[in-house]
N, C-alpha and C. Protein backbone atom coordinates (compact mmCIF):
# COMPACT_ATOMS: atom_id res chain seq x y z
N MET A 1 75.34 109.32 50.88
CA MET A 1 74.44 108.71 51.85
C MET A 1 73.97 109.75 52.87
N ASN A 2 74.88 110.59 53.30
CA ASN A 2 74.56 111.59 54.31
C ASN A 2 73.57 112.61 53.75
N LYS A 3 73.70 112.97 52.46
CA LYS A 3 72.81 113.93 51.85
C LYS A 3 71.39 113.37 51.75
N LYS A 4 71.26 112.08 51.39
CA LYS A 4 69.94 111.45 51.31
C LYS A 4 69.28 111.39 52.68
N LEU A 5 70.08 111.13 53.71
CA LEU A 5 69.54 111.07 55.07
C LEU A 5 69.05 112.44 55.51
N ASN A 6 69.79 113.49 55.20
CA ASN A 6 69.38 114.85 55.56
C ASN A 6 68.08 115.24 54.85
N ILE A 7 67.97 114.89 53.57
CA ILE A 7 66.76 115.21 52.82
C ILE A 7 65.58 114.43 53.38
N SER A 8 65.79 113.16 53.71
CA SER A 8 64.71 112.34 54.27
C SER A 8 64.23 112.90 55.60
N ILE A 9 65.15 113.33 56.44
CA ILE A 9 64.78 113.90 57.74
C ILE A 9 64.03 115.21 57.54
N ALA A 10 64.47 116.03 56.60
CA ALA A 10 63.80 117.31 56.35
C ALA A 10 62.38 117.09 55.85
N VAL A 11 62.20 116.13 54.93
CA VAL A 11 60.86 115.84 54.41
C VAL A 11 59.98 115.29 55.53
N LEU A 12 60.50 114.42 56.35
CA LEU A 12 59.74 113.85 57.45
C LEU A 12 59.31 114.94 58.45
N LEU A 13 60.21 115.83 58.78
CA LEU A 13 59.89 116.92 59.70
C LEU A 13 58.84 117.85 59.10
N PHE A 14 58.96 118.14 57.81
CA PHE A 14 57.98 118.99 57.15
C PHE A 14 56.59 118.35 57.19
N LEU A 15 56.52 117.06 56.88
CA LEU A 15 55.23 116.37 56.91
C LEU A 15 54.64 116.33 58.31
N MET A 16 55.48 116.12 59.32
CA MET A 16 55.00 116.10 60.70
C MET A 16 54.46 117.47 61.10
N ALA A 17 55.17 118.53 60.72
CA ALA A 17 54.72 119.88 61.05
C ALA A 17 53.43 120.21 60.32
N PHE A 18 53.31 119.79 59.07
CA PHE A 18 52.11 120.04 58.28
C PHE A 18 50.90 119.32 58.88
N LEU A 19 51.08 118.09 59.31
CA LEU A 19 49.97 117.33 59.88
C LEU A 19 49.60 117.82 61.27
N ALA A 20 50.56 118.34 62.02
CA ALA A 20 50.28 118.81 63.38
C ALA A 20 49.72 120.22 63.39
N ALA A 21 49.76 120.94 62.28
CA ALA A 21 49.29 122.33 62.26
C ALA A 21 47.80 122.41 62.57
N GLY A 22 47.02 121.48 62.13
CA GLY A 22 45.58 121.49 62.43
C GLY A 22 45.30 121.34 63.90
N GLU A 23 46.04 120.51 64.57
CA GLU A 23 45.85 120.31 66.00
C GLU A 23 46.29 121.54 66.80
N LEU A 24 47.34 122.19 66.35
CA LEU A 24 47.88 123.31 67.10
C LEU A 24 47.04 124.57 66.93
N SER A 25 46.34 124.71 65.82
CA SER A 25 45.57 125.93 65.58
C SER A 25 44.10 125.79 65.98
N ALA A 26 43.70 124.64 66.46
CA ALA A 26 42.30 124.46 66.85
C ALA A 26 42.03 125.18 68.16
N GLN A 27 40.83 125.76 68.27
CA GLN A 27 40.44 126.45 69.49
C GLN A 27 39.64 125.50 70.36
N PRO A 28 39.75 125.68 71.67
CA PRO A 28 38.94 124.84 72.55
C PRO A 28 37.47 125.26 72.46
N PRO A 29 36.56 124.37 72.78
CA PRO A 29 35.15 124.73 72.71
C PRO A 29 34.82 125.77 73.78
N PRO A 30 33.77 126.57 73.56
CA PRO A 30 33.41 127.57 74.57
C PRO A 30 32.91 126.90 75.84
N PRO A 31 33.05 127.57 76.97
CA PRO A 31 32.56 126.97 78.22
C PRO A 31 31.03 126.88 78.21
N PRO A 32 30.49 125.94 78.94
CA PRO A 32 29.02 125.82 78.96
C PRO A 32 28.41 127.02 79.68
N PRO A 33 27.19 127.40 79.33
CA PRO A 33 26.56 128.53 80.00
C PRO A 33 26.30 128.22 81.47
N PRO A 34 26.34 129.23 82.30
CA PRO A 34 26.11 128.98 83.72
C PRO A 34 24.66 128.57 83.96
N PRO A 35 24.43 127.75 84.97
CA PRO A 35 23.04 127.38 85.26
C PRO A 35 22.28 128.61 85.74
N GLY A 36 21.12 128.84 85.21
CA GLY A 36 20.35 130.01 85.58
C GLY A 36 20.41 131.08 84.52
N GLY A 37 21.24 130.92 83.49
CA GLY A 37 21.28 131.83 82.36
C GLY A 37 21.83 133.20 82.67
N GLY A 38 23.11 133.30 82.91
CA GLY A 38 23.75 134.58 83.14
C GLY A 38 23.93 135.36 81.85
N PRO A 39 24.62 136.49 81.91
CA PRO A 39 24.84 137.29 80.70
C PRO A 39 25.72 136.55 79.69
N PRO A 40 25.54 136.79 78.39
CA PRO A 40 26.30 136.06 77.37
C PRO A 40 27.77 136.47 77.30
N CYS A 41 28.14 137.59 77.89
CA CYS A 41 29.54 138.00 77.89
C CYS A 41 29.86 138.70 79.21
N TRP A 42 31.12 138.95 79.43
CA TRP A 42 31.52 139.61 80.66
C TRP A 42 32.47 140.73 80.34
N PRO A 43 32.33 141.92 80.75
CA PRO A 43 31.29 142.50 81.60
C PRO A 43 29.98 142.64 80.85
N PRO A 44 28.86 142.70 81.57
CA PRO A 44 27.53 142.62 80.96
C PRO A 44 27.17 143.63 79.88
N PRO A 45 27.69 144.86 79.80
CA PRO A 45 27.20 145.73 78.73
C PRO A 45 27.44 145.19 77.32
N CYS A 46 28.45 144.39 77.10
CA CYS A 46 28.73 143.75 75.80
C CYS A 46 28.78 144.77 74.66
N ILE A 47 29.58 145.78 74.79
CA ILE A 47 29.68 146.83 73.78
C ILE A 47 30.62 146.37 72.67
N PRO A 48 30.17 146.33 71.40
CA PRO A 48 31.06 145.95 70.31
C PRO A 48 32.08 147.05 70.03
N VAL A 49 33.28 146.67 69.69
CA VAL A 49 34.34 147.62 69.41
C VAL A 49 34.47 147.86 67.91
N ASP A 50 33.87 147.04 67.11
CA ASP A 50 34.09 147.06 65.67
C ASP A 50 33.71 148.38 65.01
N GLY A 51 32.60 148.99 65.38
CA GLY A 51 32.15 150.20 64.72
C GLY A 51 33.14 151.34 64.83
N GLY A 52 33.67 151.59 66.01
CA GLY A 52 34.62 152.68 66.19
C GLY A 52 35.92 152.45 65.47
N ILE A 53 36.40 151.22 65.47
CA ILE A 53 37.66 150.91 64.80
C ILE A 53 37.50 151.08 63.29
N THR A 54 36.37 150.66 62.74
CA THR A 54 36.13 150.79 61.31
C THR A 54 36.10 152.26 60.89
N ILE A 55 35.44 153.09 61.68
CA ILE A 55 35.39 154.51 61.37
C ILE A 55 36.78 155.13 61.46
N ALA A 56 37.54 154.77 62.48
CA ALA A 56 38.89 155.31 62.63
C ALA A 56 39.79 154.89 61.47
N LEU A 57 39.70 153.63 61.04
CA LEU A 57 40.50 153.17 59.91
C LEU A 57 40.11 153.87 58.62
N ALA A 58 38.82 154.10 58.41
CA ALA A 58 38.38 154.81 57.21
C ALA A 58 38.87 156.25 57.22
N ALA A 59 38.81 156.90 58.37
CA ALA A 59 39.30 158.28 58.47
C ALA A 59 40.81 158.34 58.24
N ALA A 60 41.55 157.39 58.79
CA ALA A 60 43.00 157.36 58.60
C ALA A 60 43.36 157.11 57.14
N ALA A 61 42.61 156.22 56.47
CA ALA A 61 42.87 155.95 55.05
C ALA A 61 42.58 157.19 54.21
N ALA A 62 41.49 157.90 54.52
CA ALA A 62 41.17 159.11 53.77
C ALA A 62 42.23 160.19 54.00
N PHE A 63 42.66 160.35 55.23
CA PHE A 63 43.69 161.35 55.54
C PHE A 63 45.01 161.01 54.84
N GLY A 64 45.40 159.73 54.87
CA GLY A 64 46.62 159.31 54.19
C GLY A 64 46.52 159.48 52.69
N GLY A 65 45.37 159.17 52.12
CA GLY A 65 45.17 159.37 50.68
C GLY A 65 45.27 160.83 50.30
N LYS A 66 44.72 161.71 51.11
CA LYS A 66 44.81 163.15 50.85
C LYS A 66 46.25 163.62 50.91
N LYS A 67 47.01 163.14 51.89
CA LYS A 67 48.42 163.52 52.01
C LYS A 67 49.22 163.05 50.80
N VAL A 68 48.99 161.82 50.35
CA VAL A 68 49.69 161.30 49.18
C VAL A 68 49.31 162.10 47.94
N TYR A 69 48.03 162.39 47.77
CA TYR A 69 47.56 163.18 46.63
C TYR A 69 48.21 164.56 46.63
N ASP A 70 48.25 165.22 47.79
CA ASP A 70 48.87 166.54 47.87
C ASP A 70 50.36 166.48 47.56
N ALA A 71 51.05 165.46 48.05
CA ALA A 71 52.48 165.32 47.79
C ALA A 71 52.75 165.08 46.30
N LEU A 72 51.93 164.25 45.65
CA LEU A 72 52.11 164.01 44.23
C LEU A 72 51.79 165.26 43.41
N LYS A 73 50.77 165.98 43.82
CA LYS A 73 50.40 167.21 43.12
C LYS A 73 51.48 168.27 43.26
N LYS A 74 52.09 168.37 44.45
CA LYS A 74 53.13 169.35 44.71
C LYS A 74 54.41 169.01 43.94
N SER A 75 54.76 167.73 43.85
CA SER A 75 55.98 167.34 43.15
C SER A 75 55.82 167.46 41.63
N GLY A 76 54.59 167.46 41.13
CA GLY A 76 54.36 167.59 39.69
C GLY A 76 54.52 169.00 39.19
N ASN A 77 54.42 170.00 40.06
CA ASN A 77 54.53 171.42 39.64
C ASN A 77 55.93 171.89 39.58
């Protein structure tokens, strides 16, 4: 009897966590724009960071690939 109760409680908790996951991961809506139409982001320059990070990741991947290639080439001789 105790084993069935433990399994029932575990299944119930799993289902509750599964159903509540959608509510917990939802983001609140964005705030309304200010009256008078201010800048779309703060601080106003709105500089994207994506370009620099992508270039840095590509350079790091190329450097790491070269190091692995050199290590494999050296161990083969």
